[in-house]
Amino acid sequence: MRRFLRKIKSQSGQGMSEYLIIVALIAIAAIGVVTVFGRDIRELFSGTTNSLAGNQTTNTAVKANVKASKSLKTFGKYTAATGD
């Protein structure tokens, strides 16, 4: 019984250090994501809060050029004459 209790006590420090390593890696990943995508995330949240507040803002998104001749039947086909 004493051996069992000693084994449990010696492993508690190991579990805590593993937990700290995992928390540190998650923190580093979060900092990296915020560094790379921070500006885009701020713009998305500001647009959302402005629209929830009733303010009309201009949409800065770029619309895709979709040609009317495309359909599901002609999806994978390339037509050189029209360029699509």
C-alpha atoms as a PDB file:
ATOM      1  CA  MET A   1       0.000   0.000   0.000  1.00  0.00           C
ATOM      2  CA  ARG A   2       2.823   2.397   0.834  1.00  0.00           C
ATOM      3  CA  ARG A   3       4.500   1.687  -2.492  1.00  0.00           C
ATOM      4  CA  PHE A   4       1.266   2.521  -4.288  1.00  0.00           C
ATOM      5  CA  LEU A   5       0.916   5.859  -2.465  1.00  0.00           C
ATOM      6  CA  ARG A   6       4.543   6.797  -3.205  1.00  0.00           C
ATOM      7  CA  LYS A   7       3.995   6.013  -6.874  1.00  0.00           C
ATOM      8  CA  ILE A   8       0.941   8.273  -7.020  1.00  0.00           C
ATOM      9  CA  LYS A   9       2.766  11.140  -5.281  1.00  0.00           C
ATOM     10  CA  SER A  10       5.772  10.936  -7.602  1.00  0.00           C
ATOM     11  CA  GLN A  11       3.609  11.094 -10.718  1.00  0.00           C
ATOM     12  CA  SER A  12       1.622  14.155  -9.710  1.00  0.00           C
ATOM     13  CA  GLY A  13       4.509  16.481 -10.566  1.00  0.00           C
ATOM     14  CA  GLN A  14       4.910  14.852 -13.950  1.00  0.00           C
ATOM     15  CA  GLY A  15       1.243  15.402 -14.791  1.00  0.00           C
ATOM     16  CA  MET A  16       1.460  19.049 -13.815  1.00  0.00           C
ATOM     17  CA  SER A  17       4.531  19.637 -15.975  1.00  0.00           C
ATOM     18  CA  GLU A  18       2.847  17.955 -18.950  1.00  0.00           C
ATOM     19  CA  TYR A  19      -0.198  20.143 -18.408  1.00  0.00           C
ATOM     20  CA  LEU A  20       1.981  23.278 -18.357  1.00  0.00           C
ATOM     21  CA  ILE A  21       3.703  22.254 -21.581  1.00  0.00           C
ATOM     22  CA  ILE A  22       0.345  21.761 -23.303  1.00  0.00           C
ATOM     23  CA  VAL A  23      -0.939  25.115 -22.042  1.00  0.00           C
ATOM     24  CA  ALA A  24       2.249  26.825 -23.257  1.00  0.00           C
ATOM     25  CA  LEU A  25       1.915  25.297 -26.730  1.00  0.00           C
ATOM     26  CA  ILE A  26      -1.727  26.374 -26.963  1.00  0.00           C
ATOM     27  CA  ALA A  27      -0.753  29.907 -25.910  1.00  0.00           C
ATOM     28  CA  ILE A  28       1.985  30.063 -28.562  1.00  0.00           C
ATOM     29  CA  ALA A  29      -0.445  28.825 -31.217  1.00  0.00           C
ATOM     30  CA  ALA A  30      -3.055  31.395 -30.182  1.00  0.00           C
ATOM     31  CA  ILE A  31      -0.516  34.213 -30.338  1.00  0.00           C
ATOM     32  CA  GLY A  32       0.515  33.066 -33.812  1.00  0.00           C
ATOM     33  CA  VAL A  33      -3.073  32.977 -35.062  1.00  0.00           C
ATOM     34  CA  VAL A  34      -3.835  36.424 -33.672  1.00  0.00           C
ATOM     35  CA  THR A  35      -0.640  37.792 -35.223  1.00  0.00           C
ATOM     36  CA  VAL A  36      -1.470  36.416 -38.662  1.00  0.00           C
ATOM     37  CA  PHE A  37      -5.251  36.944 -38.746  1.00  0.00           C
ATOM     38  CA  GLY A  38      -5.708  39.731 -36.178  1.00  0.00           C
ATOM     39  CA  ARG A  39      -6.594  42.514 -38.578  1.00  0.00           C
ATOM     40  CA  ASP A  40      -9.117  40.398 -40.484  1.00  0.00           C
ATOM     41  CA  ILE A  41     -10.755  39.228 -37.267  1.00  0.00           C
ATOM     42  CA  ARG A  42     -11.029  42.811 -35.990  1.00  0.00           C
ATOM     43  CA  GLU A  43     -12.652  43.915 -39.258  1.00  0.00           C
ATOM     44  CA  LEU A  44     -15.157  41.064 -39.108  1.00  0.00           C
ATOM     45  CA  PHE A  45     -16.113  41.847 -35.529  1.00  0.00           C
ATOM     46  CA  SER A  46     -16.372  45.591 -36.171  1.00  0.00           C
ATOM     47  CA  GLY A  47     -18.615  44.974 -39.182  1.00  0.00           C
ATOM     48  CA  THR A  48     -20.789  42.655 -37.139  1.00  0.00           C
ATOM     49  CA  THR A  49     -21.105  45.057 -34.220  1.00  0.00           C
ATOM     50  CA  ASN A  50     -21.860  47.952 -36.553  1.00  0.00           C
ATOM     51  CA  SER A  51     -24.624  46.014 -38.271  1.00  0.00           C
ATOM     52  CA  LEU A  52     -26.075  44.895 -34.928  1.00  0.00           C
ATOM     53  CA  ALA A  53     -26.052  48.508 -33.776  1.00  0.00           C
ATOM     54  CA  GLY A  54     -28.023  49.528 -36.873  1.00  0.00           C
ATOM     55  CA  ASN A  55     -25.217  51.410 -38.577  1.00  0.00           C
ATOM     56  CA  GLN A  56     -24.968  51.010 -42.316  1.00  0.00           C
ATOM     57  CA  THR A  57     -21.446  50.465 -43.535  1.00  0.00           C
ATOM     58  CA  THR A  58     -20.058  49.938 -46.976  1.00  0.00           C
ATOM     59  CA  ASN A  59     -19.252  46.400 -47.933  1.00  0.00           C
ATOM     60  CA  THR A  60     -15.559  46.050 -48.747  1.00  0.00           C
ATOM     61  CA  ALA A  61     -15.886  42.474 -50.001  1.00  0.00           C
ATOM     62  CA  VAL A  62     -15.020  41.872 -53.619  1.00  0.00           C
ATOM     63  CA  LYS A  63     -17.747  40.199 -55.614  1.00  0.00           C
ATOM     64  CA  ALA A  64     -16.828  37.237 -57.753  1.00  0.00           C
ATOM     65  CA  ASN A  65     -17.361  37.489 -61.488  1.00  0.00           C
ATOM     66  CA  VAL A  66     -19.812  34.704 -62.285  1.00  0.00           C
ATOM     67  CA  LYS A  67     -20.765  34.073 -65.854  1.00  0.00           C
ATOM     68  CA  ALA A  68     -24.367  33.110 -66.515  1.00  0.00           C
ATOM     69  CA  SER A  69     -23.387  30.340 -68.947  1.00  0.00           C
ATOM     70  CA  LYS A  70     -21.983  28.155 -66.188  1.00  0.00           C
ATOM     71  CA  SER A  71     -24.191  25.463 -64.704  1.00  0.00           C
ATOM     72  CA  LEU A  72     -23.741  22.127 -63.003  1.00  0.00           C
ATOM     73  CA  LYS A  73     -23.793  20.382 -66.381  1.00  0.00           C
ATOM     74  CA  THR A  74     -20.888  22.480 -67.713  1.00  0.00           C
ATOM     75  CA  PHE A  75     -18.973  22.735 -64.453  1.00  0.00           C
ATOM     76  CA  GLY A  76     -15.814  20.815 -65.373  1.00  0.00           C
ATOM     77  CA  LYS A  77     -15.659  21.846 -69.033  1.00  0.00           C
ATOM     78  CA  TYR A  78     -13.400  24.580 -70.401  1.00  0.00           C
ATOM     79  CA  THR A  79     -14.488  26.647 -73.357  1.00  0.00           C
ATOM     80  CA  ALA A  80     -11.625  28.461 -75.032  1.00  0.00           C
ATOM     81  CA  ALA A  81     -13.896  30.824 -76.956  1.00  0.00           C
ATOM     82  CA  THR A  82     -15.472  32.345 -73.866  1.00  0.00           C
ATOM     83  CA  GLY A  83     -12.517  31.825 -71.531  1.00  0.00           C
ATOM     84  CA  ASP A  84     -14.399  29.841 -68.953  1.00  0.00           C
END
